[in-house]
C-alpha atoms as a PDB file:
ATOM      1  CA  MET A   1      -0.051  -0.045  -0.006  1.00  0.00           C
ATOM      2  CA  GLU A   2       1.327   3.369  -0.917  1.00  0.00           C
ATOM      3  CA  LEU A   3       0.456   6.242   1.412  1.00  0.00           C
ATOM      4  CA  SER A   4       1.035   9.807   0.561  1.00  0.00           C
ATOM      5  CA  ILE A   5       1.030  12.822   3.020  1.00  0.00           C
ATOM      6  CA  GLN A   6      -0.637  16.006   2.156  1.00  0.00           C
ATOM      7  CA  SER A   7      -0.497  19.354   3.949  1.00  0.00           C
ATOM      8  CA  ILE A   8      -4.072  20.057   5.081  1.00  0.00           C
ATOM      9  CA  SER A   9      -4.995  23.017   7.255  1.00  0.00           C
ATOM     10  CA  ARG A  10      -2.359  23.825   9.924  1.00  0.00           C
ATOM     11  CA  GLY A  11       0.230  21.442   8.325  1.00  0.00           C
ATOM     12  CA  ILE A  12      -1.459  18.280   9.418  1.00  0.00           C
ATOM     13  CA  VAL A  13      -0.779  15.060   7.597  1.00  0.00           C
ATOM     14  CA  ILE A  14      -3.331  12.936   5.850  1.00  0.00           C
ATOM     15  CA  CYS A  15      -3.408  10.056   3.289  1.00  0.00           C
ATOM     16  CA  ALA A  16      -5.962   7.539   2.180  1.00  0.00           C
ATOM     17  CA  VAL A  17      -6.948   3.905   1.637  1.00  0.00           C
ATOM     18  CA  LEU A  18      -8.339   1.507   4.125  1.00  0.00           C
ATOM     19  CA  THR A  19     -10.700  -0.139   6.979  1.00  0.00           C
ATOM     20  CA  SER A  20     -14.580  -0.500   7.656  1.00  0.00           C
ATOM     21  CA  VAL A  21     -16.640   0.308  10.807  1.00  0.00           C
ATOM     22  CA  SER A  22     -17.888  -0.490  14.358  1.00  0.00           C
ATOM     23  CA  ALA A  23     -19.944   1.222  17.011  1.00  0.00           C
ATOM     24  CA  CYS A  24     -18.964   3.667  19.711  1.00  0.00           C
ATOM     25  CA  ASN A  25     -20.437   5.065  22.826  1.00  0.00           C
ATOM     26  CA  SER A  26     -20.847   8.633  23.786  1.00  0.00           C
ATOM     27  CA  SER A  27     -21.477   9.877  27.373  1.00  0.00           C
ATOM     28  CA  ASN A  28     -23.723  12.855  28.096  1.00  0.00           C
ATOM     29  CA  SER A  29     -21.609  13.382  31.247  1.00  0.00           C
ATOM     30  CA  PHE A  30     -18.523  14.271  29.317  1.00  0.00           C
ATOM     31  CA  GLN A  31     -17.066  17.635  30.485  1.00  0.00           C
ATOM     32  CA  PHE A  32     -15.996  19.581  27.446  1.00  0.00           C
ATOM     33  CA  PRO A  33     -12.757  21.633  27.976  1.00  0.00           C
ATOM     34  CA  GLU A  34     -12.539  25.204  26.674  1.00  0.00           C
ATOM     35  CA  PRO A  35     -11.593  25.323  22.988  1.00  0.00           C
ATOM     36  CA  ASN A  36      -7.782  25.316  22.692  1.00  0.00           C
ATOM     37  CA  VAL A  37      -6.211  25.788  19.291  1.00  0.00           C
ATOM     38  CA  ALA A  38      -2.657  25.578  20.831  1.00  0.00           C
ATOM     39  CA  ALA A  39      -3.572  22.063  21.987  1.00  0.00           C
ATOM     40  CA  PHE A  40      -4.585  21.116  18.589  1.00  0.00           C
ATOM     41  CA  ASP A  41      -1.343  22.527  17.123  1.00  0.00           C
ATOM     42  CA  ASP A  42       0.595  20.473  19.685  1.00  0.00           C
ATOM     43  CA  ARG A  43      -1.174  17.384  18.679  1.00  0.00           C
ATOM     44  CA  VAL A  44      -0.480  18.090  15.055  1.00  0.00           C
ATOM     45  CA  ASP A  45       3.223  18.585  15.682  1.00  0.00           C
ATOM     46  CA  THR A  46       3.351  15.145  17.429  1.00  0.00           C
ATOM     47  CA  ALA A  47       1.479  13.542  14.527  1.00  0.00           C
ATOM     48  CA  ILE A  48       3.926  15.057  11.988  1.00  0.00           C
ATOM     49  CA  ASP A  49       6.950  13.843  13.923  1.00  0.00           C
ATOM     50  CA  LEU A  50       5.518  10.333  14.111  1.00  0.00           C
ATOM     51  CA  SER A  51       4.579  10.322  10.408  1.00  0.00           C
ATOM     52  CA  ALA A  52       8.082  11.382   9.463  1.00  0.00           C
ATOM     53  CA  THR A  53       9.397   8.380  11.321  1.00  0.00           C
ATOM     54  CA  ALA A  54       6.982   6.139   9.499  1.00  0.00           C
ATOM     55  CA  ASN A  55       7.851   7.737   6.133  1.00  0.00           C
ATOM     56  CA  GLY A  56      11.498   6.816   6.641  1.00  0.00           C
ATOM     57  CA  SER A  57      10.800   3.150   7.666  1.00  0.00           C
ATOM     58  CA  ASP A  58      10.742   0.040   5.639  1.00  0.00           C
ATOM     59  CA  TYR A  59       7.857  -2.443   5.472  1.00  0.00           C
ATOM     60  CA  THR A  60       8.122  -5.320   7.926  1.00  0.00           C
ATOM     61  CA  LEU A  61       8.556  -8.752   6.436  1.00  0.00           C
ATOM     62  CA  GLU A  62       5.827 -11.118   7.481  1.00  0.00           C
ATOM     63  CA  ALA A  63       8.578 -13.603   8.527  1.00  0.00           C
ATOM     64  CA  ASN A  64       9.789 -11.106  11.061  1.00  0.00           C
ATOM     65  CA  LEU A  65       6.477 -10.697  12.845  1.00  0.00           C
ATOM     66  CA  PRO A  66       5.661 -12.741  15.951  1.00  0.00           C
ATOM     67  CA  THR A  67       3.419 -15.826  15.527  1.00  0.00           C
ATOM     68  CA  THR A  68       2.311 -15.899  19.146  1.00  0.00           C
ATOM     69  CA  GLY A  69       1.478 -13.361  21.786  1.00  0.00           C
ATOM     70  CA  SER A  70      -0.047  -9.882  21.503  1.00  0.00           C
ATOM     71  CA  ALA A  71       1.182  -6.308  21.208  1.00  0.00           C
ATOM     72  CA  ASN A  72      -0.219  -2.876  21.820  1.00  0.00           C
ATOM     73  CA  TYR A  73       0.247   0.142  19.568  1.00  0.00           C
ATOM     74  CA  GLU A  74      -0.311   3.764  20.635  1.00  0.00           C
ATOM     75  CA  GLY A  75      -0.267   6.890  18.383  1.00  0.00           C
ATOM     76  CA  TYR A  76      -2.477   9.333  16.554  1.00  0.00           C
ATOM     77  CA  ILE A  77      -5.234   9.334  14.068  1.00  0.00           C
ATOM     78  CA  ALA A  78      -6.230  12.302  11.757  1.00  0.00           C
ATOM     79  CA  LEU A  79      -9.459  12.405   9.688  1.00  0.00           C
ATOM     80  CA  VAL A  80     -10.491  15.043   7.134  1.00  0.00           C
ATOM     81  CA  ASP A  81     -13.036  15.830   4.510  1.00  0.00           C
ATOM     82  CA  ALA A  82     -11.535  14.070   1.466  1.00  0.00           C
ATOM     83  CA  ASN A  83     -12.581  16.823  -0.804  1.00  0.00           C
ATOM     84  CA  GLN A  84     -11.155  19.592   1.398  1.00  0.00           C
ATOM     85  CA  THR A  85      -9.501  22.403  -0.613  1.00  0.00           C
ATOM     86  CA  ALA A  86      -5.837  23.520  -0.164  1.00  0.00           C
ATOM     87  CA  ALA A  87      -7.230  26.512   1.674  1.00  0.00           C
ATOM     88  CA  GLY A  88      -8.654  24.226   4.321  1.00  0.00           C
ATOM     89  CA  ASN A  89     -12.312  24.540   3.391  1.00  0.00           C
ATOM     90  CA  GLY A  90     -14.193  21.332   4.081  1.00  0.00           C
ATOM     91  CA  GLU A  91     -17.709  20.233   5.077  1.00  0.00           C
ATOM     92  CA  ILE A  92     -16.416  18.934   8.314  1.00  0.00           C
ATOM     93  CA  PRO A  93     -13.388  19.989  10.355  1.00  0.00           C
ATOM     94  CA  LEU A  94     -10.109  18.167  10.425  1.00  0.00           C
ATOM     95  CA  VAL A  95      -9.922  16.127  13.614  1.00  0.00           C
ATOM     96  CA  VAL A  96      -6.901  14.548  15.400  1.00  0.00           C
ATOM     97  CA  GLY A  97      -7.276  11.863  18.125  1.00  0.00           C
ATOM     98  CA  ASP A  98      -5.385   9.192  19.945  1.00  0.00           C
ATOM     99  CA  LEU A  99      -5.158   5.754  18.301  1.00  0.00           C
ATOM    100  CA  HIS A 100      -4.943   2.451  20.188  1.00  0.00           C
ATOM    101  CA  VAL A 101      -4.492  -0.726  18.358  1.00  0.00           C
ATOM    102  CA  ASP A 102      -4.220  -4.227  19.982  1.00  0.00           C
ATOM    103  CA  VAL A 103      -2.808  -7.026  17.856  1.00  0.00           C
ATOM    104  CA  ASN A 104      -3.053 -10.772  18.661  1.00  0.00           C
ATOM    105  CA  PHE A 105      -0.413 -12.440  16.601  1.00  0.00           C
ATOM    106  CA  GLY A 106      -1.572 -15.933  17.684  1.00  0.00           C
ATOM    107  CA  SER A 107      -5.086 -15.413  16.289  1.00  0.00           C
ATOM    108  CA  ASN A 108      -4.224 -12.792  13.658  1.00  0.00           C
ATOM    109  CA  ASP A 109      -6.895 -10.420  15.104  1.00  0.00           C
ATOM    110  CA  THR A 110      -6.795  -6.728  15.711  1.00  0.00           C
ATOM    111  CA  SER A 111      -8.968  -4.319  17.719  1.00  0.00           C
ATOM    112  CA  SER A 112      -8.793  -0.569  17.445  1.00  0.00           C
ATOM    113  CA  ARG A 113      -9.894   2.439  19.370  1.00  0.00           C
ATOM    114  CA  ALA A 114      -9.656   6.165  18.625  1.00  0.00           C
ATOM    115  CA  ASP A 115     -10.627   8.791  21.196  1.00  0.00           C
ATOM    116  CA  ASN A 116      -9.717  12.111  22.748  1.00  0.00           C
ATOM    117  CA  PHE A 117     -10.470  14.075  19.571  1.00  0.00           C
ATOM    118  CA  ILE A 118      -9.901  17.733  18.987  1.00  0.00           C
ATOM    119  CA  ASP A 119     -10.431  19.629  15.770  1.00  0.00           C
ATOM    120  CA  GLU A 120      -8.641  22.437  13.942  1.00  0.00           C
ATOM    121  CA  ASN A 121     -10.679  25.082  15.763  1.00  0.00           C
ATOM    122  CA  GLY A 122      -9.579  23.712  19.085  1.00  0.00           C
ATOM    123  CA  GLU A 123     -12.968  22.140  19.810  1.00  0.00           C
ATOM    124  CA  TYR A 124     -13.004  18.934  21.803  1.00  0.00           C
ATOM    125  CA  TYR A 125     -15.203  15.837  21.007  1.00  0.00           C
ATOM    126  CA  ASP A 126     -16.872  13.261  23.218  1.00  0.00           C
ATOM    127  CA  GLY A 127     -17.093   9.650  22.003  1.00  0.00           C
ATOM    128  CA  SER A 128     -14.768   7.113  20.408  1.00  0.00           C
ATOM    129  CA  LEU A 129     -14.389   5.167  17.101  1.00  0.00           C
ATOM    130  CA  ARG A 130     -13.840   1.452  17.346  1.00  0.00           C
ATOM    131  CA  GLY A 131     -13.088  -1.384  15.019  1.00  0.00           C
ATOM    132  CA  SER A 132     -11.683  -4.739  14.400  1.00  0.00           C
ATOM    133  CA  GLY A 133      -9.666  -6.500  11.755  1.00  0.00           C
ATOM    134  CA  GLU A 134      -7.016  -9.132  10.972  1.00  0.00           C
ATOM    135  CA  VAL A 135      -3.341  -9.466  10.240  1.00  0.00           C
ATOM    136  CA  MET A 136      -2.607 -10.705   6.742  1.00  0.00           C
ATOM    137  CA  VAL A 137       0.255 -11.143   4.278  1.00  0.00           C
ATOM    138  CA  LEU A 138       0.556  -9.050   1.246  1.00  0.00           C
ATOM    139  CA  GLY A 139       3.512 -10.298  -0.809  1.00  0.00           C
ATOM    140  CA  LEU A 140       6.159 -10.856   1.767  1.00  0.00           C
ATOM    141  CA  ASP A 141       4.886  -8.020   4.035  1.00  0.00           C
ATOM    142  CA  GLY A 142       2.711  -8.118   7.047  1.00  0.00           C
ATOM    143  CA  VAL A 143      -0.394  -5.914   6.823  1.00  0.00           C
ATOM    144  CA  THR A 144      -3.704  -5.337   8.529  1.00  0.00           C
ATOM    145  CA  ARG A 145      -7.224  -4.941   7.245  1.00  0.00           C
ATOM    146  CA  GLY A 146     -10.230  -4.030   9.271  1.00  0.00           C
ATOM    147  CA  ASP A 147     -12.802  -1.356  10.168  1.00  0.00           C
ATOM    148  CA  LEU A 148     -13.274   1.756  12.270  1.00  0.00           C
ATOM    149  CA  GLY A 149     -16.271   3.757  13.074  1.00  0.00           C
ATOM    150  CA  GLY A 150     -18.594   5.448  15.494  1.00  0.00           C
ATOM    151  CA  THR A 151     -19.974   8.821  16.449  1.00  0.00           C
ATOM    152  CA  LEU A 152     -18.256  11.913  17.911  1.00  0.00           C
ATOM    153  CA  ARG A 153     -20.198  14.737  19.656  1.00  0.00           C
ATOM    154  CA  ASP A 154     -19.182  18.386  20.109  1.00  0.00           C
ATOM    155  CA  ALA A 155     -20.000  20.727  22.906  1.00  0.00           C
ATOM    156  CA  SER A 156     -23.129  22.024  21.118  1.00  0.00           C
ATOM    157  CA  GLY A 157     -24.610  18.521  20.745  1.00  0.00           C
ATOM    158  CA  GLY A 158     -23.784  18.229  17.124  1.00  0.00           C
ATOM    159  CA  THR A 159     -22.483  14.782  15.912  1.00  0.00           C
ATOM    160  CA  ILE A 160     -20.265  13.323  13.228  1.00  0.00           C
ATOM    161  CA  SER A 161     -20.692   9.651  12.582  1.00  0.00           C
ATOM    162  CA  TYR A 162     -17.768   7.857  10.816  1.00  0.00           C
ATOM    163  CA  ASP A 163     -17.941   4.752   8.731  1.00  0.00           C
ATOM    164  CA  LEU A 164     -14.404   3.858   7.667  1.00  0.00           C
ATOM    165  CA  VAL A 165     -12.447   1.184   5.898  1.00  0.00           C
ATOM    166  CA  ALA A 166      -8.793   0.794   6.974  1.00  0.00           C
ATOM    167  CA  SER A 167      -5.695  -0.874   5.954  1.00  0.00           C
ATOM    168  CA  GLY A 168      -2.343  -0.805   7.641  1.00  0.00           C
ATOM    169  CA  ASP A 169       1.310  -1.713   7.149  1.00  0.00           C
ATOM    170  CA  PHE A 170       3.661  -2.973   9.802  1.00  0.00           C
ATOM    171  CA  LEU A 171       6.978  -0.882   9.562  1.00  0.00           C
ATOM    172  CA  GLY A 172      10.486  -1.432  10.911  1.00  0.00           C
ATOM    173  CA  PRO A 173      12.660  -4.472  11.151  1.00  0.00           C
ATOM    174  CA  ASN A 174      10.162  -6.196  13.638  1.00  0.00           C
ATOM    175  CA  GLY A 175       6.925  -4.324  13.285  1.00  0.00           C
ATOM    176  CA  GLU A 176       7.857  -1.371  15.614  1.00  0.00           C
ATOM    177  CA  LEU A 177       5.320   0.884  13.829  1.00  0.00           C
ATOM    178  CA  LEU A 178       1.821   0.445  12.402  1.00  0.00           C
ATOM    179  CA  ASP A 179       0.913   2.835   9.636  1.00  0.00           C
ATOM    180  CA  VAL A 180      -2.806   2.789   8.745  1.00  0.00           C
ATOM    181  CA  GLY A 181      -4.739   4.625   6.050  1.00  0.00           C
ATOM    182  CA  TYR A 182      -8.572   5.286   6.211  1.00  0.00           C
ATOM    183  CA  ILE A 183     -11.147   5.973   3.683  1.00  0.00           C
ATOM    184  CA  GLY A 184     -14.951   6.121   4.045  1.00  0.00           C
ATOM    185  CA  GLU A 185     -17.813   8.315   4.884  1.00  0.00           C
ATOM    186  CA  ALA A 186     -18.984  10.723   7.613  1.00  0.00           C
ATOM    187  CA  SER A 187     -22.645  11.532   8.257  1.00  0.00           C
ATOM    188  CA  VAL A 188     -23.713  14.896   9.679  1.00  0.00           C
ATOM    189  CA  GLY A 189     -27.458  15.025   9.830  1.00  0.00           C
ATOM    190  CA  SER A 190     -28.738  13.936   6.345  1.00  0.00           C
ATOM    191  CA  GLN A 191     -25.399  14.939   4.740  1.00  0.00           C
ATOM    192  CA  THR A 192     -22.777  12.321   3.753  1.00  0.00           C
ATOM    193  CA  ILE A 193     -19.253  13.412   3.254  1.00  0.00           C
ATOM    194  CA  ASP A 194     -16.275  11.530   1.909  1.00  0.00           C
ATOM    195  CA  VAL A 195     -13.481  11.149   4.511  1.00  0.00           C
ATOM    196  CA  SER A 196      -9.826  10.131   4.346  1.00  0.00           C
ATOM    197  CA  GLY A 197      -7.151   9.905   7.018  1.00  0.00           C
ATOM    198  CA  ARG A 198      -4.120   8.379   8.435  1.00  0.00           C
ATOM    199  CA  GLY A 199      -2.995   6.877  11.811  1.00  0.00           C
ATOM    200  CA  VAL A 200       0.480   5.950  12.947  1.00  0.00           C
ATOM    201  CA  ALA A 201       1.096   3.980  16.211  1.00  0.00           C
ATOM    202  CA  GLU A 202       4.224   2.810  17.938  1.00  0.00           C
ATOM    203  CA  LEU A 203       4.748  -0.517  19.571  1.00  0.00           C
ATOM    204  CA  GLN A 204       4.588  -0.127  23.313  1.00  0.00           C
END
């Protein structure tokens, strides 16, 4: 899979291609912090650094991945209107969140969760995106295929529901990184918007 990084809005990274969808839960008791654009910028800087590491890494050979046990990967996910213009004009805002991926190498199963989202306006979101998938072999390389989806709620009560297909590559000599691309749709009321994104997570 070939992933490309674009500069979208405040220099955030995004690419496309990959996993489906699951459900998520949103709590009405969530206490929304005050909007904080600086916090968003900090998250973007971290995402860019991690993406740069991924871009400089080779694919992991399937033969070098474990065949037993499990592993946890932690990093970021960024999702954006796939038709957003270079000026940053999209139907939905760019959002960045924390990505958690658990990989069971014995059963070749994966489970994912993305939460703690903030958008380019510094607005925070309640809710999480969840998904599952499997570890596969593509050529000689280890890859993942699966789904991710759910609903995020902003402070005003507005919601964005994501339904995404995802595909990931293990990177590094022994799978030290997981680089995942996303493509799918977001629903806002009766409107459906094409979405693309990228997630990079490090082995913990």
